[in-house]
């Protein structure tokens, strides 16, 4: 179970540009060499995480992975 204010890396298929930053609660948008996108940033709690995942689903994007970053909390 994740603690509050945990940094996550959420990998999705395809590439998003920075115009989507505000839509994804100001998470950093990192383009990968393999043509995918990582959304990275502090997510305050499980409810907020589910909100981000719901946005990904509603946009019809393919979710590849969701990884909390151990030891990286604010």
PDB file of N, CA and C in Angstrom:
ATOM      1  N   UNK A   1       0.842  -1.177   0.000  1.00  0.00           N
ATOM      2  CA  UNK A   1       0.000   0.000   0.000  1.00  0.00           C
ATOM      3  C   UNK A   1       0.886   1.238   0.000  1.00  0.00           C
ATOM      4  N   UNK A   2       0.583   2.175  -0.861  1.00  0.00           N
ATOM      5  CA  UNK A   2       1.416   3.364  -1.000  1.00  0.00           C
ATOM      6  C   UNK A   2       1.158   4.352   0.131  1.00  0.00           C
ATOM      7  N   UNK A   3       2.209   5.024   0.524  1.00  0.00           N
ATOM      8  CA  UNK A   3       2.077   6.111   1.483  1.00  0.00           C
ATOM      9  C   UNK A   3       1.578   7.344   0.770  1.00  0.00           C
ATOM     10  N   UNK A   4       1.130   8.323   1.545  1.00  0.00           N
ATOM     11  CA  UNK A   4       0.745   9.588   0.942  1.00  0.00           C
ATOM     12  C   UNK A   4       1.971  10.257   0.347  1.00  0.00           C
ATOM     13  N   UNK A   5       1.730  11.055  -0.672  1.00  0.00           N
ATOM     14  CA  UNK A   5       2.772  11.828  -1.337  1.00  0.00           C
ATOM     15  C   UNK A   5       3.898  10.952  -1.885  1.00  0.00           C
ATOM     16  N   UNK A   6       3.534   9.934  -2.605  1.00  0.00           N
ATOM     17  CA  UNK A   6       4.502   9.033  -3.212  1.00  0.00           C
ATOM     18  C   UNK A   6       4.745   9.431  -4.658  1.00  0.00           C
ATOM     19  N   UNK A   7       6.002   9.371  -5.089  1.00  0.00           N
ATOM     20  CA  UNK A   7       6.317   9.616  -6.496  1.00  0.00           C
ATOM     21  C   UNK A   7       6.023   8.345  -7.282  1.00  0.00           C
ATOM     22  N   UNK A   8       5.359   8.525  -8.416  1.00  0.00           N
ATOM     23  CA  UNK A   8       5.037   7.409  -9.307  1.00  0.00           C
ATOM     24  C   UNK A   8       5.614   7.659 -10.685  1.00  0.00           C
ATOM     25  N   UNK A   9       5.931   6.570 -11.375  1.00  0.00           N
ATOM     26  CA  UNK A   9       6.206   6.567 -12.807  1.00  0.00           C
ATOM     27  C   UNK A   9       5.094   5.737 -13.435  1.00  0.00           C
ATOM     28  N   UNK A  10       4.301   6.377 -14.277  1.00  0.00           N
ATOM     29  CA  UNK A  10       3.187   5.713 -14.947  1.00  0.00           C
ATOM     30  C   UNK A  10       3.510   5.696 -16.429  1.00  0.00           C
ATOM     31  N   UNK A  11       3.723   4.508 -16.968  1.00  0.00           N
ATOM     32  CA  UNK A  11       4.127   4.383 -18.369  1.00  0.00           C
ATOM     33  C   UNK A  11       2.915   4.059 -19.232  1.00  0.00           C
ATOM     34  N   UNK A  12       2.753   4.843 -20.310  1.00  0.00           N
ATOM     35  CA  UNK A  12       1.656   4.620 -21.235  1.00  0.00           C
ATOM     36  C   UNK A  12       2.200   4.473 -22.650  1.00  0.00           C
ATOM     37  N   UNK A  13       1.449   3.754 -23.458  1.00  0.00           N
ATOM     38  CA  UNK A  13       1.864   3.514 -24.838  1.00  0.00           C
ATOM     39  C   UNK A  13       1.641   4.771 -25.667  1.00  0.00           C
ATOM     40  N   UNK A  14       2.625   5.087 -26.512  1.00  0.00           N
ATOM     41  CA  UNK A  14       2.537   6.268 -27.366  1.00  0.00           C
ATOM     42  C   UNK A  14       3.165   7.474 -26.701  1.00  0.00           C
ATOM     43  N   UNK A  15       3.197   8.568 -27.438  1.00  0.00           N
ATOM     44  CA  UNK A  15       3.833   9.775 -26.905  1.00  0.00           C
ATOM     45  C   UNK A  15       2.834  10.914 -26.789  1.00  0.00           C
ATOM     46  N   UNK A  16       2.846  11.527 -25.620  1.00  0.00           N
ATOM     47  CA  UNK A  16       2.046  12.717 -25.350  1.00  0.00           C
ATOM     48  C   UNK A  16       2.982  13.907 -25.312  1.00  0.00           C
ATOM     49  N   UNK A  17       2.495  15.059 -25.727  1.00  0.00           N
ATOM     50  CA  UNK A  17       3.336  16.248 -25.610  1.00  0.00           C
ATOM     51  C   UNK A  17       2.958  17.020 -24.349  1.00  0.00           C
ATOM     52  N   UNK A  18       3.699  18.081 -24.081  1.00  0.00           N
ATOM     53  CA  UNK A  18       3.526  18.835 -22.835  1.00  0.00           C
ATOM     54  C   UNK A  18       2.201  19.568 -22.729  1.00  0.00           C
ATOM     55  N   UNK A  19       1.427  19.628 -23.812  1.00  0.00           N
ATOM     56  CA  UNK A  19       0.098  20.252 -23.721  1.00  0.00           C
ATOM     57  C   UNK A  19      -0.801  19.491 -22.749  1.00  0.00           C
ATOM     58  N   UNK A  20      -0.486  18.236 -22.485  1.00  0.00           N
ATOM     59  CA  UNK A  20      -1.296  17.403 -21.599  1.00  0.00           C
ATOM     60  C   UNK A  20      -0.890  17.532 -20.132  1.00  0.00           C
ATOM     61  N   UNK A  21       0.144  18.308 -19.840  1.00  0.00           N
ATOM     62  CA  UNK A  21       0.668  18.406 -18.470  1.00  0.00           C
ATOM     63  C   UNK A  21      -0.409  18.836 -17.466  1.00  0.00           C
ATOM     64  N   UNK A  22      -1.157  19.870 -17.781  1.00  0.00           N
ATOM     65  CA  UNK A  22      -2.198  20.349 -16.862  1.00  0.00           C
ATOM     66  C   UNK A  22      -3.311  19.311 -16.698  1.00  0.00           C
ATOM     67  N   UNK A  23      -3.655  18.614 -17.770  1.00  0.00           N
ATOM     68  CA  UNK A  23      -4.692  17.579 -17.726  1.00  0.00           C
ATOM     69  C   UNK A  23      -4.309  16.466 -16.755  1.00  0.00           C
ATOM     70  N   UNK A  24      -3.021  16.175 -16.685  1.00  0.00           N
ATOM     71  CA  UNK A  24      -2.532  15.119 -15.798  1.00  0.00           C
ATOM     72  C   UNK A  24      -1.961  15.698 -14.509  1.00  0.00           C
ATOM     73  N   UNK A  25      -2.639  16.690 -13.968  1.00  0.00           N
ATOM     74  CA  UNK A  25      -2.314  17.239 -12.645  1.00  0.00           C
ATOM     75  C   UNK A  25      -0.861  17.669 -12.512  1.00  0.00           C
ATOM     76  N   UNK A  26      -0.317  18.238 -13.591  1.00  0.00           N
ATOM     77  CA  UNK A  26       1.055  18.746 -13.614  1.00  0.00           C
ATOM     78  C   UNK A  26       2.125  17.682 -13.382  1.00  0.00           C
ATOM     79  N   UNK A  27       1.816  16.428 -13.697  1.00  0.00           N
ATOM     80  CA  UNK A  27       2.860  15.400 -13.682  1.00  0.00           C
ATOM     81  C   UNK A  27       3.829  15.692 -14.818  1.00  0.00           C
ATOM     82  N   UNK A  28       5.096  15.369 -14.618  1.00  0.00           N
ATOM     83  CA  UNK A  28       6.080  15.536 -15.683  1.00  0.00           C
ATOM     84  C   UNK A  28       5.796  14.528 -16.787  1.00  0.00           C
ATOM     85  N   UNK A  29       5.967  14.967 -18.028  1.00  0.00           N
ATOM     86  CA  UNK A  29       5.781  14.098 -19.187  1.00  0.00           C
ATOM     87  C   UNK A  29       7.153  13.814 -19.771  1.00  0.00           C
ATOM     88  N   UNK A  30       7.549  12.555 -19.719  1.00  0.00           N
ATOM     89  CA  UNK A  30       8.867  12.128 -20.187  1.00  0.00           C
ATOM     90  C   UNK A  30       8.671  11.197 -21.377  1.00  0.00           C
ATOM     91  N   UNK A  31       9.254  11.562 -22.518  1.00  0.00           N
ATOM     92  CA  UNK A  31       9.176  10.718 -23.707  1.00  0.00           C
ATOM     93  C   UNK A  31      10.330   9.733 -23.680  1.00  0.00           C
ATOM     94  N   UNK A  32      10.029   8.466 -23.915  1.00  0.00           N
ATOM     95  CA  UNK A  32      11.053   7.425 -23.865  1.00  0.00           C
ATOM     96  C   UNK A  32      11.552   7.094 -25.265  1.00  0.00           C
ATOM     97  N   UNK A  33      12.709   6.475 -25.326  1.00  0.00           N
ATOM     98  CA  UNK A  33      13.300   6.100 -26.618  1.00  0.00           C
ATOM     99  C   UNK A  33      12.476   5.053 -27.352  1.00  0.00           C
ATOM    100  N   UNK A  34      11.708   4.278 -26.601  1.00  0.00           N
ATOM    101  CA  UNK A  34      10.905   3.227 -27.235  1.00  0.00           C
ATOM    102  C   UNK A  34       9.545   3.725 -27.726  1.00  0.00           C
ATOM    103  N   UNK A  35       9.359   5.049 -27.737  1.00  0.00           N
ATOM    104  CA  UNK A  35       8.140   5.630 -28.293  1.00  0.00           C
ATOM    105  C   UNK A  35       6.968   5.716 -27.337  1.00  0.00           C
ATOM    106  N   UNK A  36       7.238   5.597 -26.054  1.00  0.00           N
ATOM    107  CA  UNK A  36       6.184   5.676 -25.053  1.00  0.00           C
ATOM    108  C   UNK A  36       6.354   6.922 -24.193  1.00  0.00           C
ATOM    109  N   UNK A  37       5.468   7.075 -23.225  1.00  0.00           N
ATOM    110  CA  UNK A  37       5.480   8.236 -22.339  1.00  0.00           C
ATOM    111  C   UNK A  37       5.457   7.767 -20.897  1.00  0.00           C
ATOM    112  N   UNK A  38       6.235   8.442 -20.055  1.00  0.00           N
ATOM    113  CA  UNK A  38       6.163   8.227 -18.614  1.00  0.00           C
ATOM    114  C   UNK A  38       5.620   9.501 -17.983  1.00  0.00           C
ATOM    115  N   UNK A  39       4.559   9.341 -17.204  1.00  0.00           N
ATOM    116  CA  UNK A  39       4.054  10.423 -16.369  1.00  0.00           C
ATOM    117  C   UNK A  39       4.716  10.241 -15.013  1.00  0.00           C
ATOM    118  N   UNK A  40       5.398  11.270 -14.536  1.00  0.00           N
ATOM    119  CA  UNK A  40       6.169  11.149 -13.306  1.00  0.00           C
ATOM    120  C   UNK A  40       5.866  12.313 -12.380  1.00  0.00           C
ATOM    121  N   UNK A  41       5.662  11.991 -11.117  1.00  0.00           N
ATOM    122  CA  UNK A  41       5.463  13.054 -10.148  1.00  0.00           C
ATOM    123  C   UNK A  41       4.874  12.525  -8.860  1.00  0.00           C
ATOM    124  N   UNK A  42       4.699  13.449  -7.931  1.00  0.00           N
ATOM    125  CA  UNK A  42       4.136  13.131  -6.630  1.00  0.00           C
ATOM    126  C   UNK A  42       2.620  13.023  -6.769  1.00  0.00           C
ATOM    127  N   UNK A  43       2.085  11.913  -6.293  1.00  0.00           N
ATOM    128  CA  UNK A  43       0.642  11.717  -6.257  1.00  0.00           C
ATOM    129  C   UNK A  43       0.266  11.602  -4.789  1.00  0.00           C
ATOM    130  N   UNK A  44      -0.665  12.447  -4.356  1.00  0.00           N
ATOM    131  CA  UNK A  44      -0.868  12.644  -2.920  1.00  0.00           C
ATOM    132  C   UNK A  44      -1.480  11.457  -2.186  1.00  0.00           C
ATOM    133  N   UNK A  45      -2.312  10.661  -2.869  1.00  0.00           N
ATOM    134  CA  UNK A  45      -2.914   9.510  -2.201  1.00  0.00           C
ATOM    135  C   UNK A  45      -3.506   8.557  -3.237  1.00  0.00           C
ATOM    136  N   UNK A  46      -4.082   7.460  -2.771  1.00  0.00           N
ATOM    137  CA  UNK A  46      -4.636   6.453  -3.671  1.00  0.00           C
ATOM    138  C   UNK A  46      -5.788   6.999  -4.507  1.00  0.00           C
ATOM    139  N   UNK A  47      -6.580   7.878  -3.939  1.00  0.00           N
ATOM    140  CA  UNK A  47      -7.688   8.473  -4.681  1.00  0.00           C
ATOM    141  C   UNK A  47      -7.172   9.277  -5.875  1.00  0.00           C
ATOM    142  N   UNK A  48      -6.118  10.047  -5.665  1.00  0.00           N
ATOM    143  CA  UNK A  48      -5.526  10.830  -6.757  1.00  0.00           C
ATOM    144  C   UNK A  48      -4.911   9.912  -7.809  1.00  0.00           C
ATOM    145  N   UNK A  49      -4.286   8.822  -7.378  1.00  0.00           N
ATOM    146  CA  UNK A  49      -3.725   7.854  -8.322  1.00  0.00           C
ATOM    147  C   UNK A  49      -4.829   7.267  -9.197  1.00  0.00           C
ATOM    148  N   UNK A  50      -5.923   6.878  -8.582  1.00  0.00           N
ATOM    149  CA  UNK A  50      -7.040   6.330  -9.355  1.00  0.00           C
ATOM    150  C   UNK A  50      -7.619   7.365 -10.313  1.00  0.00           C
ATOM    151  N   UNK A  51      -7.590   8.643  -9.926  1.00  0.00           N
ATOM    152  CA  UNK A  51      -8.043   9.706 -10.819  1.00  0.00           C
ATOM    153  C   UNK A  51      -7.186   9.804 -12.072  1.00  0.00           C
ATOM    154  N   UNK A  52      -5.873   9.705 -11.907  1.00  0.00           N
ATOM    155  CA  UNK A  52      -4.963   9.738 -13.061  1.00  0.00           C
ATOM    156  C   UNK A  52      -5.202   8.519 -13.950  1.00  0.00           C
ATOM    157  N   UNK A  53      -5.347   7.351 -13.337  1.00  0.00           N
ATOM    158  CA  UNK A  53      -5.581   6.129 -14.113  1.00  0.00           C
ATOM    159  C   UNK A  53      -6.909   6.198 -14.866  1.00  0.00           C
ATOM    160  N   UNK A  54      -7.902   6.820 -14.258  1.00  0.00           N
ATOM    161  CA  UNK A  54      -9.204   6.989 -14.925  1.00  0.00           C
ATOM    162  C   UNK A  54      -9.062   7.891 -16.152  1.00  0.00           C
ATOM    163  N   UNK A  55      -8.277   8.945 -16.040  1.00  0.00           N
ATOM    164  CA  UNK A  55      -8.046   9.826 -17.193  1.00  0.00           C
ATOM    165  C   UNK A  55      -7.375   9.065 -18.335  1.00  0.00           C
ATOM    166  N   UNK A  56      -6.397   8.229 -17.993  1.00  0.00           N
ATOM    167  CA  UNK A  56      -5.710   7.424 -19.007  1.00  0.00           C
ATOM    168  C   UNK A  56      -6.714   6.509 -19.699  1.00  0.00           C
ATOM    169  N   UNK A  57      -7.544   5.864 -18.927  1.00  0.00           N
ATOM    170  CA  UNK A  57      -8.571   4.975 -19.487  1.00  0.00           C
ATOM    171  C   UNK A  57      -9.552   5.742 -20.369  1.00  0.00           C
ATOM    172  N   UNK A  58     -10.025   6.879 -19.883  1.00  0.00           N
ATOM    173  CA  UNK A  58     -11.012   7.660 -20.630  1.00  0.00           C
ATOM    174  C   UNK A  58     -10.466   8.196 -21.945  1.00  0.00           C
ATOM    175  N   UNK A  59      -9.153   8.399 -22.016  1.00  0.00           N
ATOM    176  CA  UNK A  59      -8.530   8.859 -23.264  1.00  0.00           C
ATOM    177  C   UNK A  59      -8.274   7.705 -24.224  1.00  0.00           C
ATOM    178  N   UNK A  60      -8.524   6.485 -23.787  1.00  0.00           N
ATOM    179  CA  UNK A  60      -8.292   5.324 -24.635  1.00  0.00           C
ATOM    180  C   UNK A  60      -6.825   4.964 -24.776  1.00  0.00           C
ATOM    181  N   UNK A  61      -5.999   5.424 -23.824  1.00  0.00           N
ATOM    182  CA  UNK A  61      -4.569   5.126 -23.862  1.00  0.00           C
ATOM    183  C   UNK A  61      -4.302   3.754 -23.256  1.00  0.00           C
ATOM    184  N   UNK A  62      -3.242   3.125 -23.704  1.00  0.00           N
ATOM    185  CA  UNK A  62      -2.861   1.821 -23.174  1.00  0.00           C
ATOM    186  C   UNK A  62      -1.876   2.007 -22.029  1.00  0.00           C
ATOM    187  N   UNK A  63      -2.255   1.530 -20.858  1.00  0.00           N
ATOM    188  CA  UNK A  63      -1.410   1.587 -19.671  1.00  0.00           C
ATOM    189  C   UNK A  63      -0.412   0.437 -19.721  1.00  0.00           C
ATOM    190  N   UNK A  64       0.867   0.765 -19.591  1.00  0.00           N
ATOM    191  CA  UNK A  64       1.912  -0.265 -19.601  1.00  0.00           C
ATOM    192  C   UNK A  64       2.310  -0.648 -18.178  1.00  0.00           C
ATOM    193  N   UNK A  65       2.541   0.357 -17.329  1.00  0.00           N
ATOM    194  CA  UNK A  65       2.950   0.044 -15.957  1.00  0.00           C
ATOM    195  C   UNK A  65       2.694   1.223 -15.031  1.00  0.00           C
ATOM    196  N   UNK A  66       2.570   0.904 -13.739  1.00  0.00           N
ATOM    197  CA  UNK A  66       2.446   1.895 -12.670  1.00  0.00           C
ATOM    198  C   UNK A  66       3.448   1.490 -11.603  1.00  0.00           C
ATOM    199  N   UNK A  67       4.437   2.355 -11.361  1.00  0.00           N
ATOM    200  CA  UNK A  67       5.506   2.005 -10.426  1.00  0.00           C
ATOM    201  C   UNK A  67       5.732   3.105  -9.400  1.00  0.00           C
ATOM    202  N   UNK A  68       5.459   2.811  -8.115  1.00  0.00           N
ATOM    203  CA  UNK A  68       5.863   3.756  -7.079  1.00  0.00           C
ATOM    204  C   UNK A  68       7.383   3.765  -7.003  1.00  0.00           C
ATOM    205  N   UNK A  69       7.939   4.910  -6.688  1.00  0.00           N
ATOM    206  CA  UNK A  69       9.389   5.053  -6.588  1.00  0.00           C
ATOM    207  C   UNK A  69       9.768   5.027  -5.107  1.00  0.00           C
ATOM    208  N   UNK A  70      10.233   3.880  -4.614  1.00  0.00           N
ATOM    209  CA  UNK A  70      10.533   3.726  -3.188  1.00  0.00           C
ATOM    210  C   UNK A  70      11.535   4.768  -2.693  1.00  0.00           C
ATOM    211  N   UNK A  71      11.242   5.288  -1.518  1.00  0.00           N
ATOM    212  CA  UNK A  71      12.172   6.222  -0.901  1.00  0.00           C
ATOM    213  C   UNK A  71      12.154   7.614  -1.492  1.00  0.00           C
ATOM    214  N   UNK A  72      11.219   7.878  -2.403  1.00  0.00           N
ATOM    215  CA  UNK A  72      11.134   9.210  -3.012  1.00  0.00           C
ATOM    216  C   UNK A  72       9.776   9.781  -2.656  1.00  0.00           C
ATOM    217  N   UNK A  73       9.711  10.426  -1.494  1.00  0.00           N
ATOM    218  CA  UNK A  73       8.464  11.010  -1.020  1.00  0.00           C
ATOM    219  C   UNK A  73       8.714  12.439  -0.599  1.00  0.00           C
ATOM    220  N   UNK A  74       7.652  13.230  -0.640  1.00  0.00           N
ATOM    221  CA  UNK A  74       7.710  14.610  -0.143  1.00  0.00           C
ATOM    222  C   UNK A  74       6.675  14.794   0.920  1.00  0.00           C
TER     223      UNK A  74
END
